[in-house]
PDB file of N, CA and C in Angstrom:
ATOM      1  N   MET A   1      74.285  91.328  53.681  1.00  0.00           N
ATOM      2  CA  MET A   1      75.998  91.222  53.570  1.00  0.00           C
ATOM      3  C   MET A   1      76.069  90.060  52.662  1.00  0.00           C
ATOM      4  N   ASN A   2      75.605  88.989  52.815  1.00  0.00           N
ATOM      5  CA  ASN A   2      75.651  87.795  51.933  1.00  0.00           C
ATOM      6  C   ASN A   2      75.151  87.383  51.028  1.00  0.00           C
ATOM      7  N   GLU A   3      73.775  87.794  51.120  1.00  0.00           N
ATOM      8  CA  GLU A   3      73.130  88.338  49.553  1.00  0.00           C
ATOM      9  C   GLU A   3      73.986  89.249  48.554  1.00  0.00           C
ATOM     10  N   ASP A   4      74.373  90.511  48.712  1.00  0.00           N
ATOM     11  CA  ASP A   4      75.064  91.030  48.260  1.00  0.00           C
ATOM     12  C   ASP A   4      76.479  90.356  47.470  1.00  0.00           C
ATOM     13  N   ARG A   5      77.133  89.485  48.557  1.00  0.00           N
ATOM     14  CA  ARG A   5      77.966  88.762  48.157  1.00  0.00           C
ATOM     15  C   ARG A   5      77.539  87.748  46.896  1.00  0.00           C
ATOM     16  N   ASP A   6      76.482  87.376  47.009  1.00  0.00           N
ATOM     17  CA  ASP A   6      75.962  85.938  46.080  1.00  0.00           C
ATOM     18  C   ASP A   6      75.763  87.153  44.732  1.00  0.00           C
ATOM     19  N   LEU A   7      75.120  87.953  45.100  1.00  0.00           N
ATOM     20  CA  LEU A   7      74.550  88.986  43.648  1.00  0.00           C
ATOM     21  C   LEU A   7      75.837  89.061  43.066  1.00  0.00           C
ATOM     22  N   VAL A   8      77.026  89.493  43.351  1.00  0.00           N
ATOM     23  CA  VAL A   8      78.249  89.998  42.847  1.00  0.00           C
ATOM     24  C   VAL A   8      78.994  88.922  41.780  1.00  0.00           C
ATOM     25  N   HIS A   9      78.934  87.656  42.538  1.00  0.00           N
ATOM     26  CA  HIS A   9      79.502  85.835  42.115  1.00  0.00           C
ATOM     27  C   HIS A   9      78.622  86.040  40.681  1.00  0.00           C
ATOM     28  N   ARG A  10      77.493  85.985  41.047  1.00  0.00           N
ATOM     29  CA  ARG A  10      76.437  85.440  39.725  1.00  0.00           C
ATOM     30  C   ARG A  10      76.630  86.284  38.856  1.00  0.00           C
ATOM     31  N   LEU A  11      76.816  87.621  38.952  1.00  0.00           N
ATOM     32  CA  LEU A  11      77.015  88.616  38.058  1.00  0.00           C
ATOM     33  C   LEU A  11      78.196  88.399  36.912  1.00  0.00           C
ATOM     34  N   ALA A  12      79.244  88.232  38.061  1.00  0.00           N
ATOM     35  CA  ALA A  12      80.715  88.154  37.815  1.00  0.00           C
ATOM     36  C   ALA A  12      80.497  86.810  36.620  1.00  0.00           C
ATOM     37  N   ARG A  13      79.825  85.862  37.419  1.00  0.00           N
ATOM     38  CA  ARG A  13      79.819  84.603  36.524  1.00  0.00           C
ATOM     39  C   ARG A  13      79.046  84.784  35.070  1.00  0.00           C
ATOM     40  N   VAL A  14      77.826  85.306  34.857  1.00  0.00           N
ATOM     41  CA  VAL A  14      77.195  85.886  33.964  1.00  0.00           C
ATOM     42  C   VAL A  14      77.781  86.762  32.736  1.00  0.00           C
ATOM     43  N   GLU A  15      78.748  87.792  33.523  1.00  0.00           N
ATOM     44  CA  GLU A  15      79.900  88.695  32.558  1.00  0.00           C
ATOM     45  C   GLU A  15      80.274  87.764  31.901  1.00  0.00           C
ATOM     46  N   GLN A  16      81.218  86.743  32.795  1.00  0.00           N
ATOM     47  CA  GLN A  16      82.046  86.008  32.524  1.00  0.00           C
ATOM     48  C   GLN A  16      81.624  84.872  31.104  1.00  0.00           C
ATOM     49  N   GLU A  17      80.339  84.109  31.392  1.00  0.00           N
ATOM     50  CA  GLU A  17      79.825  83.576  30.239  1.00  0.00           C
ATOM     51  C   GLU A  17      79.540  84.400  29.032  1.00  0.00           C
ATOM     52  N   ILE A  18      79.116  85.848  28.913  1.00  0.00           N
ATOM     53  CA  ILE A  18      78.773  86.783  27.990  1.00  0.00           C
ATOM     54  C   ILE A  18      79.989  86.794  27.194  1.00  0.00           C
ATOM     55  N   ARG A  19      81.279  87.171  27.494  1.00  0.00           N
ATOM     56  CA  ARG A  19      82.642  87.166  27.277  1.00  0.00           C
ATOM     57  C   ARG A  19      82.893  86.174  26.091  1.00  0.00           C
ATOM     58  N   ARG A  20      82.573  84.739  27.052  1.00  0.00           N
ATOM     59  CA  ARG A  20      82.899  83.842  26.233  1.00  0.00           C
ATOM     60  C   ARG A  20      82.223  83.620  24.695  1.00  0.00           C
ATOM     61  N   TRP A  21      80.472  83.872  25.214  1.00  0.00           N
ATOM     62  CA  TRP A  21      79.803  84.084  23.811  1.00  0.00           C
ATOM     63  C   TRP A  21      79.892  84.654  22.748  1.00  0.00           C
ATOM     64  N   LYS A  22      80.707  85.881  23.160  1.00  0.00           N
ATOM     65  CA  LYS A  22      81.184  86.922  22.237  1.00  0.00           C
ATOM     66  C   LYS A  22      82.586  86.148  21.439  1.00  0.00           C
ATOM     67  N   LEU A  23      83.430  85.584  21.834  1.00  0.00           N
ATOM     68  CA  LEU A  23      84.501  85.139  21.753  1.00  0.00           C
ATOM     69  C   LEU A  23      84.108  83.947  20.301  1.00  0.00           C
ATOM     70  N   ALA A  24      83.159  83.051  20.880  1.00  0.00           N
ATOM     71  CA  ALA A  24      82.563  81.980  20.112  1.00  0.00           C
ATOM     72  C   ALA A  24      82.009  82.393  18.581  1.00  0.00           C
ATOM     73  N   ALA A  25      81.268  83.395  19.452  1.00  0.00           N
ATOM     74  CA  ALA A  25      80.616  83.885  18.019  1.00  0.00           C
ATOM     75  C   ALA A  25      81.569  84.715  17.179  1.00  0.00           C
ATOM     76  N   ALA A  26      82.619  85.363  17.430  1.00  0.00           N
ATOM     77  CA  ALA A  26      83.417  86.116  16.581  1.00  0.00           C
ATOM     78  C   ALA A  26      84.222  84.980  15.626  1.00  0.00           C
ATOM     79  N   LEU A  27      84.802  83.969  16.570  1.00  0.00           N
ATOM     80  CA  LEU A  27      85.467  82.923  15.860  1.00  0.00           C
ATOM     81  C   LEU A  27      84.547  82.243  14.829  1.00  0.00           C
ATOM     82  N   ALA A  28      83.652  82.086  15.140  1.00  0.00           N
ATOM     83  CA  ALA A  28      82.342  81.288  14.162  1.00  0.00           C
ATOM     84  C   ALA A  28      82.321  82.086  12.805  1.00  0.00           C
ATOM     85  N   GLY A  29      82.164  83.413  13.169  1.00  0.00           N
ATOM     86  CA  GLY A  29      82.103  84.270  12.383  1.00  0.00           C
ATOM     87  C   GLY A  29      83.663  84.259  11.013  1.00  0.00           C
ATOM     88  N   VAL A  30      84.755  84.641  11.741  1.00  0.00           N
ATOM     89  CA  VAL A  30      85.835  84.448  11.025  1.00  0.00           C
ATOM     90  C   VAL A  30      86.080  83.047  10.347  1.00  0.00           C
ATOM     91  N   GLY A  31      85.751  81.994  10.651  1.00  0.00           N
ATOM     92  CA  GLY A  31      85.651  80.681  10.197  1.00  0.00           C
ATOM     93  C   GLY A  31      84.756  80.652   8.937  1.00  0.00           C
ATOM     94  N   PHE A  32      83.501  81.359   9.171  1.00  0.00           N
ATOM     95  CA  PHE A  32      82.431  81.121   8.272  1.00  0.00           C
ATOM     96  C   PHE A  32      82.936  82.272   6.780  1.00  0.00           C
ATOM     97  N   THR A  33      83.255  83.266   7.484  1.00  0.00           N
ATOM     98  CA  THR A  33      83.855  84.420   6.432  1.00  0.00           C
ATOM     99  C   THR A  33      85.066  83.758   5.273  1.00  0.00           C
ATOM    100  N   ALA A  34      86.131  82.636   6.046  1.00  0.00           N
ATOM    101  CA  ALA A  34      86.991  82.190   5.280  1.00  0.00           C
ATOM    102  C   ALA A  34      86.936  80.836   4.953  1.00  0.00           C
ATOM    103  N   VAL A  35      85.549  80.028   5.290  1.00  0.00           N
ATOM    104  CA  VAL A  35      85.036  79.571   4.180  1.00  0.00           C
ATOM    105  C   VAL A  35      84.415  80.028   2.953  1.00  0.00           C
ATOM    106  N   MET A  36      83.450  81.375   3.113  1.00  0.00           N
ATOM    107  CA  MET A  36      83.172  81.767   2.043  1.00  0.00           C
ATOM    108  C   MET A  36      83.800  82.206   1.022  1.00  0.00           C
ATOM    109  N   LEU A  37      85.231  82.822   1.705  1.00  0.00           N
ATOM    110  CA  LEU A  37      86.022  83.300   0.773  1.00  0.00           C
ATOM    111  C   LEU A  37      86.765  82.192  -0.034  1.00  0.00           C
ATOM    112  N   MET A  38      87.127  80.871   0.288  1.00  0.00           N
ATOM    113  CA  MET A  38      87.643  79.793  -0.370  1.00  0.00           C
ATOM    114  C   MET A  38      86.961  79.456  -1.367  1.00  0.00           C
ATOM    115  N   GLY A  39      85.687  79.312  -0.971  1.00  0.00           N
ATOM    116  CA  GLY A  39      84.705  79.069  -2.083  1.00  0.00           C
ATOM    117  C   GLY A  39      84.692  79.910  -3.155  1.00  0.00           C
ATOM    118  N   GLN A  40      85.451  81.386  -2.947  1.00  0.00           N
ATOM    119  CA  GLN A  40      85.177  82.323  -4.434  1.00  0.00           C
ATOM    120  C   GLN A  40      86.206  82.279  -5.069  1.00  0.00           C
ATOM    121  N   ALA A  41      87.422  81.735  -4.575  1.00  0.00           N
ATOM    122  CA  ALA A  41      89.183  81.304  -5.004  1.00  0.00           C
ATOM    123  C   ALA A  41      88.652  81.132  -6.200  1.00  0.00           C
ATOM    124  N   ALA A  42      88.829  81.523  -7.659  1.00  0.00           N
ATOM    125  CA  ALA A  42      89.330  80.945  -8.803  1.00  0.00           C
ATOM    126  C   ALA A  42      89.898  79.778  -9.094  1.00  0.00           C
ATOM    127  N   SER A  43      88.877  78.437  -9.489  1.00  0.00           N
ATOM    128  CA  SER A  43      89.905  77.228  -9.228  1.00  0.00           C
ATOM    129  C   SER A  43      90.665  77.374 -10.996  1.00  0.00           C
ATOM    130  N   GLU A  44      91.645  76.697 -11.240  1.00  0.00           N
ATOM    131  CA  GLU A  44      92.396  76.409 -12.459  1.00  0.00           C
ATOM    132  C   GLU A  44      91.719  75.289 -13.094  1.00  0.00           C
ATOM    133  N   PRO A  45      91.717  75.414 -14.770  1.00  0.00           N
ATOM    134  CA  PRO A  45      91.363  74.445 -15.145  1.00  0.00           C
ATOM    135  C   PRO A  45      91.889  73.063 -14.807  1.00  0.00           C
ATOM    136  N   VAL A  46      90.756  71.905 -14.706  1.00  0.00           N
ATOM    137  CA  VAL A  46      91.286  70.483 -14.643  1.00  0.00           C
ATOM    138  C   VAL A  46      92.157  69.868 -15.555  1.00  0.00           C
ATOM    139  N   THR A  47      93.455  69.512 -15.249  1.00  0.00           N
ATOM    140  CA  THR A  47      94.374  69.006 -16.661  1.00  0.00           C
ATOM    141  C   THR A  47      93.442  67.558 -16.779  1.00  0.00           C
ATOM    142  N   LYS A  48      93.125  67.184 -17.903  1.00  0.00           N
ATOM    143  CA  LYS A  48      92.445  65.925 -18.493  1.00  0.00           C
ATOM    144  C   LYS A  48      93.928  64.849 -19.122  1.00  0.00           C
ATOM    145  N   MET A  49      95.055  65.187 -19.304  1.00  0.00           N
ATOM    146  CA  MET A  49      96.030  64.196 -19.349  1.00  0.00           C
ATOM    147  C   MET A  49      97.236  64.717 -18.971  1.00  0.00           C
ATOM    148  N   VAL A  50      97.919  63.544 -18.387  1.00  0.00           N
ATOM    149  CA  VAL A  50      98.786  63.660 -17.649  1.00  0.00           C
ATOM    150  C   VAL A  50      99.886  63.092 -18.622  1.00  0.00           C
ATOM    151  N   GLU A  51     100.796  63.009 -19.126  1.00  0.00           N
ATOM    152  CA  GLU A  51     101.867  62.367 -20.122  1.00  0.00           C
ATOM    153  C   GLU A  51     103.615  62.182 -19.300  1.00  0.00           C
ATOM    154  N   ALA A  52     104.201  61.139 -19.382  1.00  0.00           N
ATOM    155  CA  ALA A  52     105.308  60.795 -18.692  1.00  0.00           C
ATOM    156  C   ALA A  52     105.990  59.524 -19.155  1.00  0.00           C
ATOM    157  N   GLU A  53     107.009  59.728 -19.165  1.00  0.00           N
ATOM    158  CA  GLU A  53     108.219  58.012 -19.467  1.00  0.00           C
ATOM    159  C   GLU A  53     107.745  57.027 -18.263  1.00  0.00           C
ATOM    160  N   ARG A  54     107.587  57.661 -17.408  1.00  0.00           N
ATOM    161  CA  ARG A  54     107.569  56.554 -16.287  1.00  0.00           C
ATOM    162  C   ARG A  54     107.304  57.186 -15.142  1.00  0.00           C
ATOM    163  N   PHE A  55     106.429  56.413 -13.867  1.00  0.00           N
ATOM    164  CA  PHE A  55     106.244  56.915 -12.609  1.00  0.00           C
ATOM    165  C   PHE A  55     106.675  55.971 -11.813  1.00  0.00           C
ATOM    166  N   ILE A  56     107.362  56.841 -10.956  1.00  0.00           N
ATOM    167  CA  ILE A  56     107.925  55.818  -9.722  1.00  0.00           C
ATOM    168  C   ILE A  56     107.060  56.623  -8.367  1.00  0.00           C
ATOM    169  N   LEU A  57     106.669  55.525  -7.621  1.00  0.00           N
ATOM    170  CA  LEU A  57     105.898  55.380  -6.222  1.00  0.00           C
ATOM    171  C   LEU A  57     106.855  55.310  -5.099  1.00  0.00           C
ATOM    172  N   ARG A  58     107.256  56.456  -4.534  1.00  0.00           N
ATOM    173  CA  ARG A  58     108.142  56.462  -3.262  1.00  0.00           C
ATOM    174  C   ARG A  58     107.768  56.537  -2.090  1.00  0.00           C
ATOM    175  N   ASP A  59     107.858  55.941  -0.766  1.00  0.00           N
ATOM    176  CA  ASP A  59     107.609  56.364   0.570  1.00  0.00           C
ATOM    177  C   ASP A  59     108.000  57.586   0.956  1.00  0.00           C
ATOM    178  N   ASP A  60     107.851  58.134   2.071  1.00  0.00           N
ATOM    179  CA  ASP A  60     108.315  59.103   2.914  1.00  0.00           C
ATOM    180  C   ASP A  60     109.676  58.837   3.093  1.00  0.00           C
ATOM    181  N   ARG A  61     110.125  57.791   3.191  1.00  0.00           N
ATOM    182  CA  ARG A  61     111.833  57.772   3.316  1.00  0.00           C
ATOM    183  C   ARG A  61     112.695  57.859   2.143  1.00  0.00           C
ATOM    184  N   GLY A  62     112.022  57.852   0.780  1.00  0.00           N
ATOM    185  CA  GLY A  62     112.797  57.854  -0.393  1.00  0.00           C
ATOM    186  C   GLY A  62     112.775  56.524  -1.069  1.00  0.00           C
ATOM    187  N   LYS A  63     112.432  55.373  -0.181  1.00  0.00           N
ATOM    188  CA  LYS A  63     112.227  54.207  -0.734  1.00  0.00           C
ATOM    189  C   LYS A  63     111.346  53.954  -1.983  1.00  0.00           C
ATOM    190  N   THR A  64     111.843  53.509  -3.226  1.00  0.00           N
ATOM    191  CA  THR A  64     111.146  53.143  -4.775  1.00  0.00           C
ATOM    192  C   THR A  64     110.075  51.854  -4.035  1.00  0.00           C
ATOM    193  N   LEU A  65     109.024  52.291  -3.969  1.00  0.00           N
ATOM    194  CA  LEU A  65     107.790  51.113  -4.033  1.00  0.00           C
ATOM    195  C   LEU A  65     107.372  50.618  -5.073  1.00  0.00           C
ATOM    196  N   ALA A  66     107.066  51.431  -6.632  1.00  0.00           N
ATOM    197  CA  ALA A  66     106.788  50.521  -7.584  1.00  0.00           C
ATOM    198  C   ALA A  66     107.014  51.809  -8.842  1.00  0.00           C
ATOM    199  N   ILE A  67     107.405  51.010  -9.762  1.00  0.00           N
ATOM    200  CA  ILE A  67     108.164  51.684 -11.270  1.00  0.00           C
ATOM    201  C   ILE A  67     106.661  51.365 -12.131  1.00  0.00           C
ATOM    202  N   LEU A  68     106.162  52.302 -12.700  1.00  0.00           N
ATOM    203  CA  LEU A  68     105.509  52.062 -13.669  1.00  0.00           C
ATOM    204  C   LEU A  68     106.092  52.532 -14.996  1.00  0.00           C
ATOM    205  N   GLY A  69     106.316  51.747 -15.860  1.00  0.00           N
ATOM    206  CA  GLY A  69     106.887  52.341 -17.534  1.00  0.00           C
ATOM    207  C   GLY A  69     107.543  51.412 -17.991  1.00  0.00           C
ATOM    208  N   VAL A  70     107.759  51.831 -19.358  1.00  0.00           N
ATOM    209  CA  VAL A  70     108.553  51.011 -20.526  1.00  0.00           C
ATOM    210  C   VAL A  70     109.594  50.552 -19.904  1.00  0.00           C
ATOM    211  N   PRO A  71     110.607  49.371 -19.990  1.00  0.00           N
ATOM    212  CA  PRO A  71     111.768  49.222 -19.000  1.00  0.00           C
ATOM    213  C   PRO A  71     112.874  49.800 -20.367  1.00  0.00           C
ATOM    214  N   THR A  72     113.899  50.373 -20.084  1.00  0.00           N
ATOM    215  CA  THR A  72     114.777  51.521 -21.061  1.00  0.00           C
ATOM    216  C   THR A  72     115.930  50.540 -21.571  1.00  0.00           C
ATOM    217  N   THR A  73     115.983  49.071 -20.860  1.00  0.00           N
ATOM    218  CA  THR A  73     116.760  48.175 -21.327  1.00  0.00           C
ATOM    219  C   THR A  73     116.153  46.795 -21.757  1.00  0.00           C
ATOM    220  N   THR A  74     116.516  46.069 -23.020  1.00  0.00           N
ATOM    221  CA  THR A  74     115.665  45.234 -23.213  1.00  0.00           C
ATOM    222  C   THR A  74     116.217  43.606 -22.463  1.00  0.00           C
ATOM    223  N   PRO A  75     115.236  42.912 -22.060  1.00  0.00           N
ATOM    224  CA  PRO A  75     115.895  41.947 -21.161  1.00  0.00           C
ATOM    225  C   PRO A  75     116.219  40.802 -22.104  1.00  0.00           C
ATOM    226  N   TRP A  76     116.648  40.482 -23.469  1.00  0.00           N
ATOM    227  CA  TRP A  76     117.247  39.481 -23.844  1.00  0.00           C
ATOM    228  C   TRP A  76     118.549  40.029 -24.813  1.00  0.00           C
TER     229      TRP A  76
END
């Protein structure tokens, strides 16, 4: 009787492990497919030139950290 119970527990553990492996394989397949599809997406041509009168660098709170450009008023 004790051997039967041990066998049932071992079988339950093996079945649970198989379910985990199936889930892991399915997730890996979905991830691989997603990566492959992203690689197939058409990319837009790279812009080689950006034009602007000035560039303003701000942090995540909106505080101006730096301004690159020609001053609009003359200092003299």
